[in-house]
Amino acid sequence: MEFIQIKSSEDKFFDKILKLYQEAFPENQRHTNADFKKLIESGKNNFYCNAVLLNGFFVGFFNHWIFDKFIFAEHFAIEEAVRGNKIGEKVMKMIESTAELPLVFEVELPDTEINARRIEFYHRLGYEIVPIEYLQPPYNKNGYPQPLHLMTDNLEFVLDNYEFIKTTIYKNVYRVK
């Protein structure tokens, strides 16, 4: 398994990433297509969009931001056709093995079976829910705030730095002033 960084909408995996991005995340939980393309092509040195390949074939993607004190995993999805083969688990373990900073990400509340299963998946990998209410800002002017949970591999760090982490995510990812 390997990660290939995507830096352009001309990349051969961009269309596959965009399609999976649209299928896996509701409109309110993702950038507009134009904003997503701009973000990838902006050259921001702390945002990374990675295609996940297995034996040379596209199986998913992982977008993340590297900040000074933590990594924010913004979006992660595996193609439906290959789910259930522990690919997601392998990807998360690869990320964890190379990450030099605490990993923080958002998950939906466990109000549906699939959301509860997703949280359980991350729990099995050692991630914990941050026990502080969190509201995801809208990605664009037509969106709306959504209650979510933060999860992390370093709960003590997140609890000690919660306001800094939230402010950093809001400012950089959601462009909230």
Protein backbone atom coordinates (compact mmCIF):
# COMPACT_ATOMS: atom_id res chain seq x y z
CA MET A 1 0.00 0.00 0.00
CA GLU A 2 1.22 3.50 -0.77
CA PHE A 3 0.20 7.15 -0.60
CA ILE A 4 0.63 9.38 -3.63
CA GLN A 5 0.41 13.13 -2.99
CA ILE A 6 -1.97 14.91 -5.37
CA LYS A 7 -0.96 18.45 -6.30
CA SER A 8 -3.11 19.14 -9.35
CA SER A 9 -6.56 18.49 -10.75
CA GLU A 10 -4.69 17.15 -13.78
CA ASP A 11 -3.29 14.27 -11.72
CA LYS A 12 -4.54 10.90 -12.95
CA PHE A 13 -6.14 10.13 -9.56
CA PHE A 14 -7.86 13.49 -9.02
CA ASP A 15 -11.16 12.56 -10.67
CA LYS A 16 -11.35 9.33 -8.65
CA ILE A 17 -10.66 11.23 -5.44
CA LEU A 18 -13.29 13.85 -6.30
CA LYS A 19 -15.90 11.18 -7.07
CA LEU A 20 -15.24 9.31 -3.80
CA TYR A 21 -15.12 12.61 -1.88
CA GLN A 22 -18.60 13.48 -3.16
CA GLU A 23 -19.96 9.99 -2.46
CA ALA A 24 -18.46 9.57 1.01
CA PHE A 25 -19.15 13.01 2.50
CA PRO A 26 -22.39 15.00 2.56
CA GLU A 27 -22.24 18.41 0.94
CA ASN A 28 -22.20 20.12 4.34
CA GLN A 29 -19.06 18.18 5.36
CA ARG A 30 -16.86 19.01 2.40
CA HIS A 31 -15.45 21.85 0.36
CA THR A 32 -17.17 22.82 -2.86
CA ASN A 33 -15.54 21.16 -5.87
CA ALA A 34 -13.99 24.49 -6.89
CA ASP A 35 -12.63 25.14 -3.39
CA PHE A 36 -11.29 21.59 -3.11
CA LYS A 37 -9.47 21.95 -6.43
CA LYS A 38 -8.07 25.35 -5.36
CA LEU A 39 -6.88 23.92 -2.06
CA ILE A 40 -5.02 21.08 -3.77
CA GLU A 41 -3.45 23.40 -6.32
CA SER A 42 -2.72 26.26 -3.90
CA GLY A 43 0.62 24.86 -2.89
CA LYS A 44 -0.20 25.44 0.79
CA ASN A 45 2.68 23.63 2.38
CA ASN A 46 0.63 22.26 5.28
CA PHE A 47 -2.30 20.68 3.33
CA TYR A 48 -1.88 17.26 1.75
CA CYS A 49 -4.24 15.30 -0.46
CA ASN A 50 -3.11 11.69 -0.90
CA ALA A 51 -4.44 8.95 -3.12
CA VAL A 52 -4.27 5.55 -1.41
CA LEU A 53 -3.07 2.83 -3.79
CA LEU A 54 -3.05 -0.92 -3.32
CA ASN A 55 -0.96 -2.82 -5.87
CA GLY A 56 -1.05 0.31 -8.04
CA PHE A 57 -4.85 0.62 -7.97
CA PHE A 58 -6.75 3.52 -6.41
CA VAL A 59 -8.62 2.38 -3.29
CA GLY A 60 -9.16 5.62 -1.37
CA PHE A 61 -7.84 8.98 -0.26
CA PHE A 62 -6.65 10.79 2.84
CA ASN A 63 -6.56 14.60 3.22
CA HIS A 64 -4.77 16.18 6.15
CA TRP A 65 -3.23 19.36 7.50
CA ILE A 66 0.07 19.40 9.36
CA PHE A 67 0.16 22.17 11.95
CA ASP A 68 2.92 23.01 14.41
CA LYS A 69 1.61 20.85 17.25
CA PHE A 70 -0.82 18.38 15.67
CA ILE A 71 -2.10 16.81 12.45
CA PHE A 72 -5.72 17.35 11.47
CA ALA A 73 -7.09 14.51 9.35
CA GLU A 74 -9.82 16.28 7.38
CA HIS A 75 -11.17 13.53 5.11
CA PHE A 76 -10.50 9.81 4.76
CA ALA A 77 -12.46 7.38 2.60
CA ILE A 78 -12.02 3.93 1.10
CA GLU A 79 -13.80 2.80 -2.08
CA GLU A 80 -16.97 0.91 -1.21
CA ALA A 81 -16.00 -2.05 -3.41
CA VAL A 82 -12.93 -2.82 -1.28
CA ARG A 83 -14.30 -2.02 2.19
CA GLY A 84 -14.23 -4.88 4.68
CA ASN A 85 -10.73 -5.96 3.65
CA LYS A 86 -8.96 -4.11 6.48
CA ILE A 87 -7.62 -1.49 4.04
CA GLY A 88 -8.89 1.37 6.22
CA GLU A 89 -7.19 -0.18 9.24
CA LYS A 90 -3.91 -0.55 7.32
CA VAL A 91 -4.11 3.07 6.13
CA MET A 92 -4.70 4.36 9.67
CA LYS A 93 -1.77 2.28 10.96
CA MET A 94 0.47 3.65 8.19
CA ILE A 95 -0.55 7.19 9.09
CA GLU A 96 0.05 6.54 12.78
CA SER A 97 3.46 4.98 12.14
CA THR A 98 4.68 8.01 10.20
CA ALA A 99 2.97 10.78 12.17
CA GLU A 100 5.30 12.63 14.48
CA LEU A 101 2.50 14.67 16.05
CA PRO A 102 -0.84 13.88 17.67
CA LEU A 103 -3.60 13.07 15.16
CA VAL A 104 -6.98 14.82 15.51
CA PHE A 105 -10.07 14.27 13.36
CA GLU A 106 -13.83 14.80 13.33
CA VAL A 107 -16.48 12.08 13.44
CA GLU A 108 -20.24 12.30 13.30
CA LEU A 109 -22.25 11.67 16.45
CA PRO A 110 -23.17 8.00 16.98
CA ASP A 111 -26.82 8.64 16.08
CA THR A 112 -26.95 6.09 13.25
CA GLU A 113 -25.64 2.56 12.99
CA ILE A 114 -22.99 3.49 10.40
CA ASN A 115 -21.77 6.43 12.50
CA ALA A 116 -21.56 4.23 15.60
CA ARG A 117 -19.66 1.58 13.61
CA ARG A 118 -17.23 4.21 12.33
CA ILE A 119 -16.52 5.41 15.87
CA GLU A 120 -16.04 1.80 17.01
CA PHE A 121 -13.58 1.26 14.13
CA TYR A 122 -11.46 4.16 15.41
CA HIS A 123 -11.81 2.97 19.04
CA ARG A 124 -10.43 -0.45 18.05
CA LEU A 125 -7.40 1.33 16.60
CA GLY A 126 -6.80 3.16 19.89
CA TYR A 127 -8.41 6.54 19.18
CA GLU A 128 -10.51 8.25 21.83
CA ILE A 129 -13.42 10.68 21.66
CA VAL A 130 -12.60 14.10 23.08
CA PRO A 131 -15.26 14.65 25.79
CA ILE A 132 -15.88 18.31 24.89
CA GLU A 133 -18.74 19.54 22.71
CA TYR A 134 -17.49 20.43 19.23
CA LEU A 135 -19.28 22.24 16.43
CA GLN A 136 -18.01 21.91 12.87
CA PRO A 137 -18.31 25.30 11.15
CA PRO A 138 -19.89 25.37 7.68
CA TYR A 139 -17.54 24.90 4.74
CA ASN A 140 -19.26 27.66 2.78
CA LYS A 141 -21.91 30.38 3.07
CA ASN A 142 -24.73 27.95 2.21
CA GLY A 143 -23.71 25.45 4.87
CA TYR A 144 -24.64 25.16 8.51
CA PRO A 145 -22.75 24.30 11.70
CA GLN A 146 -22.93 20.64 12.67
CA PRO A 147 -22.29 19.00 16.05
CA LEU A 148 -19.51 16.42 15.75
CA HIS A 149 -16.98 14.74 18.00
CA LEU A 150 -13.24 15.15 17.80
CA MET A 151 -11.19 11.96 18.13
CA THR A 152 -7.48 11.63 18.75
CA ASP A 153 -4.61 9.30 19.50
CA ASN A 154 -3.44 11.62 22.31
CA LEU A 155 -6.35 12.64 24.53
CA GLU A 156 -4.19 14.31 27.18
CA PHE A 157 -2.60 16.60 24.57
CA VAL A 158 -5.98 17.56 23.10
CA LEU A 159 -7.54 18.25 26.49
CA ASP A 160 -4.56 20.42 27.48
CA ASN A 161 -4.62 22.31 24.16
CA TYR A 162 -8.29 22.16 23.15
CA GLU A 163 -8.89 25.87 22.47
CA PHE A 164 -5.65 26.16 20.47
CA ILE A 165 -6.56 23.08 18.40
CA LYS A 166 -10.13 24.24 17.77
CA THR A 167 -9.00 27.76 16.83
CA THR A 168 -6.32 26.39 14.48
CA ILE A 169 -8.83 24.11 12.72
CA TYR A 170 -11.49 26.82 12.49
CA LYS A 171 -9.06 29.41 11.10
CA ASN A 172 -7.19 27.23 8.59
CA VAL A 173 -9.69 24.59 7.47
CA TYR A 174 -12.98 26.49 7.73
CA ARG A 175 -11.59 30.02 7.33
CA VAL A 176 -13.42 31.26 10.43
CA LYS A 177 -11.86 34.46 11.70
